[in-house]
Amino acid sequence: MPRIRGASIEEHHEMVWADLAEAMRQLLLERDYDTINMGHIAARAGLARNTLYNYARDKSALVLALTQRASRPAVERVAAIAARSADPAAERMREIIEAVLEASTDQAMQLMFRPGSGPLVDELPKGPGSPFHTIVVEVENVVRDGIERGEFRDVGDVHLAVELLSGAMRAGAERVGRDPAAFAATVHAARDIILTFLARHPDQHPSRPARGT
């Protein structure tokens, strides 16, 4: 029976997951994602290959599990911010932008935001199965709330607008991943881009935002 690390089984599993995240991070610095296999991950994490299969059936499942675990604090934080319906939508959006970019400073999350991570990101499910689906839904809710209140202009297709804005967020997260010292400047730039896009034009009536402008 493998030796248990930590004071409990739960602590042992947490330590193994941390080792697996670090193993993936190191391997991605050395080689393309497509060339990494479960044997490489097990060896780098100091696990027997059979033990690794207790945590994930294959590389895709492992990436999903690592991403779900790493994204959980950000998802919970964004949901809490979005739920503050008494606060202006723009204020909540500013905080959400910072929360998401702050999450990208986590080494486990950096797996998703490092240059060349496209094949890895493609492994993740889209829609409700995605670890980031809740964040997207909460941002869409804040945008709709801002439109209804007259804080934001009517962007038409809210889902599409948020999808496009997520491209700016991903670019910001990649920059922070490359250069953590750029965090404050990146948050400022992301807020400027996103809130400028959402801002209601001065000639728009607050209660009847112009469609498609």
N, C-alpha and C. Protein backbone atom coordinates (compact mmCIF):
# COMPACT_ATOMS: atom_id res chain seq x y z
N MET A 1 0.85 -1.19 0.00
CA MET A 1 0.00 0.00 0.00
C MET A 1 0.88 1.24 0.00
N PRO A 2 0.57 2.25 -0.88
CA PRO A 2 1.40 3.44 -0.93
C PRO A 2 1.41 4.18 0.40
N ARG A 3 2.53 4.81 0.67
CA ARG A 3 2.66 5.56 1.91
C ARG A 3 1.79 6.81 1.84
N ILE A 4 1.05 7.08 2.92
CA ILE A 4 0.18 8.24 2.98
C ILE A 4 0.96 9.44 3.48
N ARG A 5 0.93 10.52 2.71
CA ARG A 5 1.55 11.77 3.12
C ARG A 5 0.50 12.64 3.80
N GLY A 6 0.92 13.44 4.74
CA GLY A 6 -0.02 14.31 5.43
C GLY A 6 -0.68 13.62 6.60
N ALA A 7 -1.52 14.39 7.30
CA ALA A 7 -2.15 13.90 8.52
C ALA A 7 -3.41 13.10 8.27
N SER A 8 -3.92 13.13 7.05
CA SER A 8 -5.16 12.42 6.72
C SER A 8 -5.16 12.06 5.25
N ILE A 9 -6.11 11.20 4.88
CA ILE A 9 -6.26 10.83 3.47
C ILE A 9 -6.56 12.07 2.63
N GLU A 10 -7.42 12.95 3.16
CA GLU A 10 -7.79 14.16 2.42
C GLU A 10 -6.58 15.05 2.18
N GLU A 11 -5.76 15.20 3.22
CA GLU A 11 -4.56 16.02 3.07
C GLU A 11 -3.59 15.37 2.08
N HIS A 12 -3.50 14.06 2.13
CA HIS A 12 -2.65 13.33 1.20
C HIS A 12 -3.09 13.61 -0.25
N HIS A 13 -4.40 13.52 -0.51
CA HIS A 13 -4.90 13.75 -1.85
C HIS A 13 -4.62 15.19 -2.31
N GLU A 14 -4.79 16.14 -1.39
CA GLU A 14 -4.51 17.54 -1.75
C GLU A 14 -3.05 17.72 -2.15
N MET A 15 -2.16 17.06 -1.44
CA MET A 15 -0.74 17.15 -1.76
C MET A 15 -0.44 16.52 -3.11
N VAL A 16 -1.09 15.40 -3.41
CA VAL A 16 -0.88 14.75 -4.70
C VAL A 16 -1.39 15.64 -5.83
N TRP A 17 -2.57 16.24 -5.65
CA TRP A 17 -3.09 17.13 -6.68
C TRP A 17 -2.15 18.31 -6.92
N ALA A 18 -1.58 18.84 -5.84
CA ALA A 18 -0.62 19.94 -5.99
C ALA A 18 0.61 19.47 -6.77
N ASP A 19 1.06 18.26 -6.50
CA ASP A 19 2.20 17.70 -7.23
C ASP A 19 1.87 17.52 -8.72
N LEU A 20 0.64 17.08 -9.00
CA LEU A 20 0.24 16.88 -10.38
C LEU A 20 0.17 18.20 -11.15
N ALA A 21 -0.35 19.24 -10.49
CA ALA A 21 -0.41 20.56 -11.13
C ALA A 21 1.00 21.07 -11.43
N GLU A 22 1.90 20.89 -10.48
CA GLU A 22 3.29 21.34 -10.68
C GLU A 22 3.97 20.50 -11.77
N ALA A 23 3.68 19.22 -11.81
CA ALA A 23 4.26 18.36 -12.85
C ALA A 23 3.82 18.82 -14.23
N MET A 24 2.53 19.13 -14.37
CA MET A 24 2.03 19.62 -15.66
C MET A 24 2.67 20.95 -16.02
N ARG A 25 2.79 21.83 -15.04
CA ARG A 25 3.39 23.14 -15.32
C ARG A 25 4.83 22.98 -15.82
N GLN A 26 5.61 22.13 -15.15
CA GLN A 26 6.99 21.93 -15.55
C GLN A 26 7.09 21.30 -16.94
N LEU A 27 6.26 20.30 -17.19
CA LEU A 27 6.31 19.63 -18.48
C LEU A 27 5.94 20.57 -19.63
N LEU A 28 4.98 21.46 -19.38
CA LEU A 28 4.57 22.39 -20.43
C LEU A 28 5.64 23.43 -20.74
N LEU A 29 6.55 23.63 -19.81
CA LEU A 29 7.67 24.53 -20.07
C LEU A 29 8.73 23.85 -20.94
N GLU A 30 8.67 22.53 -20.99
CA GLU A 30 9.71 21.76 -21.66
C GLU A 30 9.29 21.19 -23.01
N ARG A 31 7.99 20.96 -23.20
CA ARG A 31 7.57 20.28 -24.41
C ARG A 31 6.15 20.66 -24.77
N ASP A 32 5.74 20.36 -26.01
CA ASP A 32 4.38 20.63 -26.45
C ASP A 32 3.39 19.74 -25.70
N TYR A 33 2.21 20.29 -25.49
CA TYR A 33 1.18 19.55 -24.76
C TYR A 33 0.88 18.20 -25.40
N ASP A 34 0.79 18.18 -26.73
CA ASP A 34 0.41 16.94 -27.42
C ASP A 34 1.42 15.81 -27.21
N THR A 35 2.66 16.15 -26.86
CA THR A 35 3.68 15.11 -26.69
C THR A 35 3.76 14.60 -25.25
N ILE A 36 2.98 15.18 -24.35
CA ILE A 36 2.99 14.76 -22.95
C ILE A 36 2.01 13.59 -22.77
N ASN A 37 2.45 12.55 -22.08
CA ASN A 37 1.54 11.44 -21.80
C ASN A 37 1.47 11.19 -20.29
N MET A 38 0.62 10.26 -19.91
CA MET A 38 0.41 9.99 -18.49
C MET A 38 1.69 9.48 -17.82
N GLY A 39 2.51 8.77 -18.56
CA GLY A 39 3.78 8.30 -17.99
C GLY A 39 4.69 9.45 -17.62
N HIS A 40 4.75 10.48 -18.50
CA HIS A 40 5.56 11.66 -18.19
C HIS A 40 5.06 12.34 -16.93
N ILE A 41 3.73 12.48 -16.84
CA ILE A 41 3.14 13.18 -15.69
C ILE A 41 3.39 12.41 -14.40
N ALA A 42 3.19 11.10 -14.43
CA ALA A 42 3.39 10.28 -13.24
C ALA A 42 4.85 10.37 -12.77
N ALA A 43 5.77 10.26 -13.73
CA ALA A 43 7.19 10.29 -13.37
C ALA A 43 7.57 11.63 -12.76
N ARG A 44 7.09 12.72 -13.36
CA ARG A 44 7.43 14.04 -12.85
C ARG A 44 6.80 14.31 -11.48
N ALA A 45 5.62 13.76 -11.24
CA ALA A 45 4.94 13.95 -9.95
C ALA A 45 5.42 12.97 -8.89
N GLY A 46 6.28 12.02 -9.28
CA GLY A 46 6.78 11.05 -8.32
C GLY A 46 5.77 9.98 -7.95
N LEU A 47 4.89 9.64 -8.92
CA LEU A 47 3.85 8.64 -8.68
C LEU A 47 4.08 7.43 -9.57
N ALA A 48 3.61 6.28 -9.10
CA ALA A 48 3.53 5.13 -9.99
C ALA A 48 2.43 5.40 -11.01
N ARG A 49 2.61 4.94 -12.23
CA ARG A 49 1.61 5.21 -13.27
C ARG A 49 0.25 4.67 -12.87
N ASN A 50 0.19 3.49 -12.27
CA ASN A 50 -1.09 2.93 -11.84
C ASN A 50 -1.77 3.81 -10.80
N THR A 51 -0.96 4.44 -9.94
CA THR A 51 -1.52 5.35 -8.94
C THR A 51 -2.15 6.57 -9.60
N LEU A 52 -1.49 7.08 -10.64
CA LEU A 52 -2.03 8.25 -11.34
C LEU A 52 -3.42 7.96 -11.89
N TYR A 53 -3.65 6.73 -12.35
CA TYR A 53 -4.96 6.39 -12.90
C TYR A 53 -6.06 6.37 -11.83
N ASN A 54 -5.68 6.39 -10.57
CA ASN A 54 -6.67 6.55 -9.51
C ASN A 54 -7.21 7.97 -9.46
N TYR A 55 -6.45 8.91 -10.03
CA TYR A 55 -6.84 10.32 -10.01
C TYR A 55 -7.51 10.76 -11.32
N ALA A 56 -7.13 10.14 -12.41
CA ALA A 56 -7.73 10.48 -13.71
C ALA A 56 -7.52 9.33 -14.68
N ARG A 57 -8.50 9.09 -15.52
CA ARG A 57 -8.42 7.95 -16.43
C ARG A 57 -7.50 8.22 -17.62
N ASP A 58 -7.33 9.53 -17.95
CA ASP A 58 -6.45 9.88 -19.06
C ASP A 58 -6.03 11.34 -18.92
N LYS A 59 -5.24 11.81 -19.86
CA LYS A 59 -4.70 13.17 -19.78
C LYS A 59 -5.81 14.22 -19.83
N SER A 60 -6.81 14.02 -20.68
CA SER A 60 -7.91 14.98 -20.79
C SER A 60 -8.65 15.11 -19.47
N ALA A 61 -8.95 13.98 -18.83
CA ALA A 61 -9.65 14.00 -17.55
C ALA A 61 -8.80 14.66 -16.47
N LEU A 62 -7.49 14.45 -16.54
CA LEU A 62 -6.60 15.06 -15.55
C LEU A 62 -6.58 16.58 -15.72
N VAL A 63 -6.49 17.05 -16.95
CA VAL A 63 -6.49 18.49 -17.21
C VAL A 63 -7.79 19.11 -16.72
N LEU A 64 -8.92 18.46 -16.99
CA LEU A 64 -10.21 18.97 -16.54
C LEU A 64 -10.25 19.04 -15.02
N ALA A 65 -9.82 17.98 -14.34
CA ALA A 65 -9.85 17.96 -12.88
C ALA A 65 -8.94 19.04 -12.30
N LEU A 66 -7.75 19.20 -12.85
CA LEU A 66 -6.82 20.23 -12.36
C LEU A 66 -7.41 21.63 -12.56
N THR A 67 -8.04 21.84 -13.70
CA THR A 67 -8.62 23.16 -13.98
C THR A 67 -9.81 23.44 -13.08
N GLN A 68 -10.64 22.44 -12.85
CA GLN A 68 -11.79 22.62 -11.95
C GLN A 68 -11.33 22.98 -10.54
N ARG A 69 -10.30 22.31 -10.06
CA ARG A 69 -9.80 22.58 -8.73
C ARG A 69 -9.18 23.97 -8.64
N ALA A 70 -8.39 24.32 -9.66
CA ALA A 70 -7.71 25.61 -9.63
C ALA A 70 -8.68 26.78 -9.80
N SER A 71 -9.75 26.57 -10.58
CA SER A 71 -10.67 27.66 -10.88
C SER A 71 -11.74 27.86 -9.80
N ARG A 72 -11.89 26.90 -8.89
CA ARG A 72 -12.98 26.97 -7.90
C ARG A 72 -13.00 28.26 -7.09
N PRO A 73 -11.86 28.72 -6.54
CA PRO A 73 -11.91 29.98 -5.77
C PRO A 73 -12.34 31.17 -6.62
N ALA A 74 -11.87 31.24 -7.87
CA ALA A 74 -12.26 32.35 -8.74
C ALA A 74 -13.74 32.29 -9.07
N VAL A 75 -14.25 31.10 -9.34
CA VAL A 75 -15.67 30.94 -9.64
C VAL A 75 -16.52 31.41 -8.46
N GLU A 76 -16.16 30.99 -7.26
CA GLU A 76 -16.92 31.38 -6.06
C GLU A 76 -16.84 32.89 -5.83
N ARG A 77 -15.67 33.46 -6.06
CA ARG A 77 -15.50 34.91 -5.85
C ARG A 77 -16.32 35.70 -6.85
N VAL A 78 -16.29 35.30 -8.11
CA VAL A 78 -17.06 36.01 -9.14
C VAL A 78 -18.55 35.90 -8.86
N ALA A 79 -19.01 34.72 -8.47
CA ALA A 79 -20.43 34.54 -8.17
C ALA A 79 -20.86 35.44 -7.02
N ALA A 80 -20.02 35.58 -6.00
CA ALA A 80 -20.34 36.43 -4.85
C ALA A 80 -20.41 37.90 -5.27
N ILE A 81 -19.50 38.33 -6.12
CA ILE A 81 -19.50 39.72 -6.60
C ILE A 81 -20.75 39.99 -7.43
N ALA A 82 -21.04 39.08 -8.36
CA ALA A 82 -22.19 39.26 -9.26
C ALA A 82 -23.50 39.31 -8.49
N ALA A 83 -23.56 38.60 -7.36
CA ALA A 83 -24.81 38.51 -6.58
C ALA A 83 -25.13 39.80 -5.83
N ARG A 84 -24.20 40.75 -5.77
CA ARG A 84 -24.45 42.00 -5.04
C ARG A 84 -25.28 42.94 -5.91
N SER A 85 -26.55 42.59 -6.05
CA SER A 85 -27.44 43.29 -6.98
C SER A 85 -27.68 44.75 -6.61
N ALA A 86 -27.42 45.12 -5.37
CA ALA A 86 -27.62 46.51 -4.97
C ALA A 86 -26.49 47.41 -5.46
N ASP A 87 -25.37 46.81 -5.83
CA ASP A 87 -24.22 47.60 -6.30
C ASP A 87 -24.34 47.88 -7.79
N PRO A 88 -23.79 49.00 -8.25
CA PRO A 88 -23.81 49.30 -9.68
C PRO A 88 -23.15 48.19 -10.49
N ALA A 89 -23.67 47.94 -11.67
CA ALA A 89 -23.12 46.88 -12.52
C ALA A 89 -21.67 47.17 -12.89
N ALA A 90 -21.34 48.43 -13.13
CA ALA A 90 -19.97 48.78 -13.52
C ALA A 90 -18.99 48.48 -12.39
N GLU A 91 -19.41 48.74 -11.16
CA GLU A 91 -18.54 48.45 -10.02
C GLU A 91 -18.30 46.95 -9.89
N ARG A 92 -19.35 46.16 -10.07
CA ARG A 92 -19.20 44.70 -10.00
C ARG A 92 -18.31 44.20 -11.14
N MET A 93 -18.47 44.79 -12.32
CA MET A 93 -17.65 44.36 -13.46
C MET A 93 -16.18 44.66 -13.20
N ARG A 94 -15.88 45.81 -12.62
CA ARG A 94 -14.49 46.14 -12.31
C ARG A 94 -13.89 45.12 -11.36
N GLU A 95 -14.66 44.71 -10.35
CA GLU A 95 -14.16 43.73 -9.38
C GLU A 95 -14.01 42.35 -10.00
N ILE A 96 -14.93 41.98 -10.89
CA ILE A 96 -14.84 40.68 -11.55
C ILE A 96 -13.59 40.61 -12.42
N ILE A 97 -13.31 41.69 -13.14
CA ILE A 97 -12.11 41.72 -13.99
C ILE A 97 -10.86 41.49 -13.15
N GLU A 98 -10.77 42.16 -12.02
CA GLU A 98 -9.61 41.98 -11.15
C GLU A 98 -9.56 40.56 -10.59
N ALA A 99 -10.71 40.01 -10.20
CA ALA A 99 -10.75 38.66 -9.64
C ALA A 99 -10.27 37.62 -10.64
N VAL A 100 -10.71 37.75 -11.89
CA VAL A 100 -10.32 36.78 -12.91
C VAL A 100 -8.84 36.89 -13.22
N LEU A 101 -8.34 38.11 -13.34
CA LEU A 101 -6.92 38.28 -13.64
C LEU A 101 -6.04 37.87 -12.45
N GLU A 102 -6.55 38.08 -11.25
CA GLU A 102 -5.80 37.64 -10.08
C GLU A 102 -5.69 36.12 -10.05
N ALA A 103 -6.76 35.44 -10.50
CA ALA A 103 -6.73 33.97 -10.55
C ALA A 103 -5.64 33.48 -11.48
N SER A 104 -5.33 34.26 -12.52
CA SER A 104 -4.32 33.83 -13.48
C SER A 104 -2.92 33.86 -12.91
N THR A 105 -2.76 34.45 -11.71
CA THR A 105 -1.44 34.44 -11.07
C THR A 105 -1.18 33.12 -10.35
N ASP A 106 -2.24 32.32 -10.17
CA ASP A 106 -2.08 31.00 -9.54
C ASP A 106 -1.35 30.08 -10.52
N GLN A 107 -0.33 29.38 -10.04
CA GLN A 107 0.47 28.55 -10.94
C GLN A 107 -0.35 27.47 -11.62
N ALA A 108 -1.32 26.91 -10.92
CA ALA A 108 -2.16 25.88 -11.54
C ALA A 108 -3.02 26.47 -12.66
N MET A 109 -3.53 27.69 -12.46
CA MET A 109 -4.33 28.33 -13.48
C MET A 109 -3.49 28.78 -14.66
N GLN A 110 -2.21 29.02 -14.43
CA GLN A 110 -1.34 29.46 -15.52
C GLN A 110 -1.22 28.40 -16.61
N LEU A 111 -1.56 27.16 -16.29
CA LEU A 111 -1.58 26.13 -17.32
C LEU A 111 -2.50 26.54 -18.47
N MET A 112 -3.59 27.25 -18.13
CA MET A 112 -4.58 27.64 -19.14
C MET A 112 -4.18 28.88 -19.91
N PHE A 113 -3.26 29.68 -19.36
CA PHE A 113 -3.02 31.00 -19.91
C PHE A 113 -1.61 31.22 -20.43
N ARG A 114 -0.79 30.17 -20.42
CA ARG A 114 0.55 30.34 -20.95
C ARG A 114 0.50 30.31 -22.48
N PRO A 115 1.43 31.01 -23.16
CA PRO A 115 1.47 30.94 -24.62
C PRO A 115 1.60 29.49 -25.09
N GLY A 116 0.90 29.16 -26.14
CA GLY A 116 0.95 27.80 -26.67
C GLY A 116 0.04 26.83 -25.97
N SER A 117 -0.84 27.32 -25.10
CA SER A 117 -1.71 26.43 -24.34
C SER A 117 -2.98 26.07 -25.11
N GLY A 118 -3.08 26.48 -26.37
CA GLY A 118 -4.28 26.22 -27.15
C GLY A 118 -4.72 24.76 -27.15
N PRO A 119 -3.83 23.79 -27.47
CA PRO A 119 -4.24 22.39 -27.46
C PRO A 119 -4.74 21.92 -26.10
N LEU A 120 -4.16 22.45 -25.03
CA LEU A 120 -4.59 22.09 -23.69
C LEU A 120 -6.00 22.64 -23.43
N VAL A 121 -6.22 23.90 -23.79
CA VAL A 121 -7.54 24.52 -23.60
C VAL A 121 -8.59 23.78 -24.42
N ASP A 122 -8.21 23.31 -25.61
CA ASP A 122 -9.15 22.58 -26.45
C ASP A 122 -9.64 21.29 -25.82
N GLU A 123 -8.88 20.77 -24.85
CA GLU A 123 -9.27 19.54 -24.16
C GLU A 123 -10.47 19.78 -23.23
N LEU A 124 -10.66 21.03 -22.82
CA LEU A 124 -11.72 21.32 -21.86
C LEU A 124 -13.08 21.33 -22.55
N PRO A 125 -14.12 20.84 -21.87
CA PRO A 125 -15.46 20.88 -22.47
C PRO A 125 -15.95 22.31 -22.60
N LYS A 126 -16.83 22.52 -23.55
CA LYS A 126 -17.45 23.83 -23.74
C LYS A 126 -18.83 23.83 -23.10
N GLY A 127 -19.38 25.01 -22.88
CA GLY A 127 -20.72 25.11 -22.32
C GLY A 127 -20.76 24.74 -20.85
N PRO A 128 -21.90 24.19 -20.38
CA PRO A 128 -22.07 23.92 -18.96
C PRO A 128 -21.00 23.01 -18.35
N GLY A 129 -20.34 22.19 -19.17
CA GLY A 129 -19.32 21.30 -18.64
C GLY A 129 -17.99 21.98 -18.40
N SER A 130 -17.86 23.22 -18.85
CA SER A 130 -16.59 23.93 -18.71
C SER A 130 -16.41 24.43 -17.28
N PRO A 131 -15.18 24.36 -16.74
CA PRO A 131 -14.93 24.91 -15.40
C PRO A 131 -15.21 26.41 -15.31
N PHE A 132 -15.18 27.09 -16.46
CA PHE A 132 -15.35 28.54 -16.47
C PHE A 132 -16.77 28.96 -16.84
N HIS A 133 -17.67 27.99 -17.03
CA HIS A 133 -19.03 28.30 -17.47
C HIS A 133 -19.74 29.22 -16.48
N THR A 134 -19.59 28.96 -15.18
CA THR A 134 -20.26 29.78 -14.18
C THR A 134 -19.80 31.23 -14.25
N ILE A 135 -18.51 31.44 -14.49
CA ILE A 135 -18.00 32.81 -14.60
C ILE A 135 -18.64 33.51 -15.79
N VAL A 136 -18.73 32.83 -16.92
CA VAL A 136 -19.34 33.43 -18.11
C VAL A 136 -20.79 33.79 -17.85
N VAL A 137 -21.53 32.88 -17.22
CA VAL A 137 -22.95 33.12 -16.93
C VAL A 137 -23.10 34.32 -15.99
N GLU A 138 -22.26 34.39 -14.96
CA GLU A 138 -22.37 35.51 -14.02
C GLU A 138 -22.03 36.84 -14.68
N VAL A 139 -21.04 36.85 -15.55
CA VAL A 139 -20.70 38.08 -16.26
C VAL A 139 -21.86 38.49 -17.18
N GLU A 140 -22.46 37.53 -17.85
CA GLU A 140 -23.61 37.84 -18.71
C GLU A 140 -24.74 38.44 -17.87
N ASN A 141 -24.96 37.90 -16.69
CA ASN A 141 -26.02 38.43 -15.82
C ASN A 141 -25.74 39.88 -15.41
N VAL A 142 -24.48 40.18 -15.11
CA VAL A 142 -24.12 41.55 -14.73
C VAL A 142 -24.30 42.49 -15.92
N VAL A 143 -23.93 42.04 -17.11
CA VAL A 143 -24.11 42.87 -18.30
C VAL A 143 -25.59 43.14 -18.54
N ARG A 144 -26.42 42.10 -18.45
CA ARG A 144 -27.86 42.30 -18.66
C ARG A 144 -28.44 43.24 -17.60
N ASP A 145 -27.99 43.09 -16.37
CA ASP A 145 -28.46 43.97 -15.30
C ASP A 145 -28.07 45.41 -15.59
N GLY A 146 -26.84 45.61 -16.06
CA GLY A 146 -26.38 46.96 -16.39
C GLY A 146 -27.18 47.57 -17.53
N ILE A 147 -27.55 46.75 -18.51
CA ILE A 147 -28.35 47.24 -19.63
C ILE A 147 -29.75 47.64 -19.14
N GLU A 148 -30.35 46.79 -18.32
CA GLU A 148 -31.69 47.07 -17.81
C GLU A 148 -31.72 48.35 -16.98
N ARG A 149 -30.64 48.60 -16.25
CA ARG A 149 -30.57 49.80 -15.40
C ARG A 149 -30.17 51.05 -16.17
N GLY A 150 -29.77 50.87 -17.42
CA GLY A 150 -29.31 52.01 -18.20
C GLY A 150 -27.86 52.38 -17.95
N GLU A 151 -27.12 51.54 -17.21
CA GLU A 151 -25.70 51.80 -16.99
C GLU A 151 -24.88 51.45 -18.22
N PHE A 152 -25.27 50.36 -18.88
CA PHE A 152 -24.57 49.88 -20.06
C PHE A 152 -25.46 50.08 -21.29
N ARG A 153 -24.82 50.19 -22.45
CA ARG A 153 -25.59 50.26 -23.68
C ARG A 153 -26.12 48.86 -24.03
N ASP A 154 -27.11 48.83 -24.89
CA ASP A 154 -27.64 47.55 -25.34
C ASP A 154 -26.66 46.99 -26.37
N VAL A 155 -25.98 45.91 -26.02
CA VAL A 155 -24.97 45.33 -26.91
C VAL A 155 -25.58 44.34 -27.88
N GLY A 156 -26.90 44.14 -27.79
CA GLY A 156 -27.56 43.19 -28.69
C GLY A 156 -27.43 41.77 -28.15
N ASP A 157 -26.56 40.99 -28.73
CA ASP A 157 -26.34 39.60 -28.32
C ASP A 157 -25.37 39.59 -27.14
N VAL A 158 -25.90 39.47 -25.93
CA VAL A 158 -25.07 39.55 -24.74
C VAL A 158 -24.06 38.41 -24.69
N HIS A 159 -24.51 37.22 -25.05
CA HIS A 159 -23.59 36.07 -25.01
C HIS A 159 -22.40 36.29 -25.94
N LEU A 160 -22.67 36.77 -27.15
CA LEU A 160 -21.60 37.03 -28.10
C LEU A 160 -20.68 38.14 -27.58
N ALA A 161 -21.28 39.19 -27.02
CA ALA A 161 -20.47 40.30 -26.50
C ALA A 161 -19.52 39.82 -25.41
N VAL A 162 -20.02 39.01 -24.49
CA VAL A 162 -19.18 38.50 -23.41
C VAL A 162 -18.11 37.56 -23.96
N GLU A 163 -18.48 36.78 -24.96
CA GLU A 163 -17.50 35.88 -25.58
C GLU A 163 -16.36 36.68 -26.21
N LEU A 164 -16.69 37.79 -26.87
CA LEU A 164 -15.67 38.63 -27.48
C LEU A 164 -14.81 39.30 -26.41
N LEU A 165 -15.45 39.79 -25.36
CA LEU A 165 -14.70 40.44 -24.28
C LEU A 165 -13.79 39.45 -23.55
N SER A 166 -14.19 38.18 -23.54
CA SER A 166 -13.35 37.18 -22.88
C SER A 166 -12.02 37.03 -23.58
N GLY A 167 -11.97 37.39 -24.87
CA GLY A 167 -10.70 37.38 -25.58
C GLY A 167 -9.73 38.38 -25.00
N ALA A 168 -10.24 39.56 -24.63
CA ALA A 168 -9.39 40.57 -24.00
C ALA A 168 -8.92 40.08 -22.64
N MET A 169 -9.79 39.40 -21.91
CA MET A 169 -9.42 38.87 -20.60
C MET A 169 -8.36 37.79 -20.72
N ARG A 170 -8.51 36.95 -21.71
CA ARG A 170 -7.51 35.89 -21.90
C ARG A 170 -6.14 36.49 -22.23
N ALA A 171 -6.14 37.52 -23.10
CA ALA A 171 -4.89 38.18 -23.44
C ALA A 171 -4.26 38.78 -22.19
N GLY A 172 -5.09 39.37 -21.33
CA GLY A 172 -4.57 39.94 -20.09
C GLY A 172 -4.02 38.87 -19.17
N ALA A 173 -4.73 37.74 -19.08
CA ALA A 173 -4.28 36.65 -18.22
C ALA A 173 -2.95 36.08 -18.72
N GLU A 174 -2.81 35.97 -20.04
CA GLU A 174 -1.54 35.47 -20.59
C GLU A 174 -0.40 36.43 -20.27
N ARG A 175 -0.69 37.72 -20.33
CA ARG A 175 0.36 38.70 -20.03
C ARG A 175 0.78 38.60 -18.57
N VAL A 176 -0.21 38.50 -17.68
CA VAL A 176 0.11 38.38 -16.25
C VAL A 176 0.89 37.09 -15.99
N GLY A 177 0.52 36.01 -16.70
CA GLY A 177 1.25 34.76 -16.54
C GLY A 177 2.70 34.89 -16.94
N ARG A 178 2.96 35.68 -17.99
CA ARG A 178 4.35 35.88 -18.43
C ARG A 178 5.09 36.84 -17.52
N ASP A 179 4.37 37.84 -17.02
CA ASP A 179 5.01 38.90 -16.24
C ASP A 179 4.11 39.31 -15.08
N PRO A 180 4.22 38.64 -13.93
CA PRO A 180 3.36 38.97 -12.78
C PRO A 180 3.44 40.43 -12.36
N ALA A 181 4.57 41.09 -12.62
CA ALA A 181 4.71 42.51 -12.24
C ALA A 181 3.78 43.41 -13.05
N ALA A 182 3.25 42.88 -14.15
CA ALA A 182 2.35 43.68 -15.00
C ALA A 182 0.89 43.58 -14.54
N PHE A 183 0.64 42.96 -13.40
CA PHE A 183 -0.74 42.72 -12.95
C PHE A 183 -1.55 44.01 -12.86
N ALA A 184 -1.07 45.01 -12.14
CA ALA A 184 -1.85 46.24 -11.93
C ALA A 184 -2.12 46.95 -13.25
N ALA A 185 -1.11 47.05 -14.10
CA ALA A 185 -1.30 47.73 -15.39
C ALA A 185 -2.27 46.96 -16.28
N THR A 186 -2.22 45.64 -16.20
CA THR A 186 -3.11 44.81 -17.02
C THR A 186 -4.55 44.92 -16.55
N VAL A 187 -4.76 44.93 -15.24
CA VAL A 187 -6.12 45.13 -14.71
C VAL A 187 -6.68 46.47 -15.18
N HIS A 188 -5.85 47.51 -15.09
CA HIS A 188 -6.29 48.85 -15.52
C HIS A 188 -6.68 48.85 -16.99
N ALA A 189 -5.84 48.25 -17.84
CA ALA A 189 -6.11 48.23 -19.28
C ALA A 189 -7.36 47.40 -19.59
N ALA A 190 -7.52 46.25 -18.93
CA ALA A 190 -8.69 45.39 -19.18
C ALA A 190 -9.98 46.10 -18.77
N ARG A 191 -9.94 46.78 -17.62
CA ARG A 191 -11.12 47.53 -17.19
C ARG A 191 -11.47 48.61 -18.21
N ASP A 192 -10.46 49.32 -18.68
CA ASP A 192 -10.69 50.41 -19.63
C ASP A 192 -11.33 49.88 -20.91
N ILE A 193 -10.80 48.78 -21.45
CA ILE A 193 -11.31 48.21 -22.69
C ILE A 193 -12.75 47.72 -22.52
N ILE A 194 -12.99 46.95 -21.46
CA ILE A 194 -14.30 46.32 -21.28
C ILE A 194 -15.37 47.32 -20.91
N LEU A 195 -15.06 48.22 -19.98
CA LEU A 195 -16.07 49.20 -19.55
C LEU A 195 -16.33 50.25 -20.63
N THR A 196 -15.33 50.56 -21.44
CA THR A 196 -15.55 51.47 -22.57
C THR A 196 -16.49 50.83 -23.58
N PHE A 197 -16.28 49.54 -23.83
CA PHE A 197 -17.16 48.82 -24.75
C PHE A 197 -18.61 48.81 -24.25
N LEU A 198 -18.79 48.65 -22.94
CA LEU A 198 -20.13 48.51 -22.38
C LEU A 198 -20.80 49.85 -22.09
N ALA A 199 -20.02 50.93 -22.07
CA ALA A 199 -20.55 52.22 -21.64
C ALA A 199 -21.70 52.70 -22.52
N ARG A 200 -22.72 53.25 -21.87
CA ARG A 200 -23.84 53.83 -22.61
C ARG A 200 -23.40 55.15 -23.22
N HIS A 201 -23.69 55.34 -24.48
CA HIS A 201 -23.31 56.58 -25.16
C HIS A 201 -24.10 57.75 -24.57
N PRO A 202 -23.51 58.93 -24.51
CA PRO A 202 -24.20 60.08 -23.89
C PRO A 202 -25.55 60.40 -24.49
N ASP A 203 -25.74 60.12 -25.81
CA ASP A 203 -27.00 60.46 -26.46
C ASP A 203 -28.06 59.37 -26.32
N GLN A 204 -27.73 58.28 -25.63
CA GLN A 204 -28.71 57.21 -25.43
C GLN A 204 -29.57 57.52 -24.21
N HIS A 205 -30.86 57.28 -24.36
CA HIS A 205 -31.77 57.45 -23.22
C HIS A 205 -31.57 56.27 -22.27
N PRO A 206 -31.40 56.53 -20.95
CA PRO A 206 -31.12 55.44 -20.01
C PRO A 206 -32.14 54.32 -20.03
N SER A 207 -33.41 54.64 -20.23
CA SER A 207 -34.43 53.60 -20.16
C SER A 207 -34.66 52.90 -21.50
N ARG A 208 -34.09 53.48 -22.60
CA ARG A 208 -34.29 52.85 -23.90
C ARG A 208 -32.96 52.85 -24.66
N PRO A 209 -32.06 51.96 -24.24
CA PRO A 209 -30.76 51.91 -24.92
C PRO A 209 -30.92 51.59 -26.39
N ALA A 210 -30.11 52.26 -27.20
CA ALA A 210 -30.18 52.03 -28.65
C ALA A 210 -29.62 50.66 -28.97
N ARG A 211 -30.31 49.90 -29.82
CA ARG A 211 -29.89 48.54 -30.16
C ARG A 211 -28.87 48.58 -31.30
N GLY A 212 -27.83 47.76 -31.12
CA GLY A 212 -26.87 47.58 -32.19
C GLY A 212 -25.90 48.71 -32.39
N THR A 213 -25.78 49.64 -31.39
CA THR A 213 -24.84 50.74 -31.54
C THR A 213 -23.60 50.47 -30.71
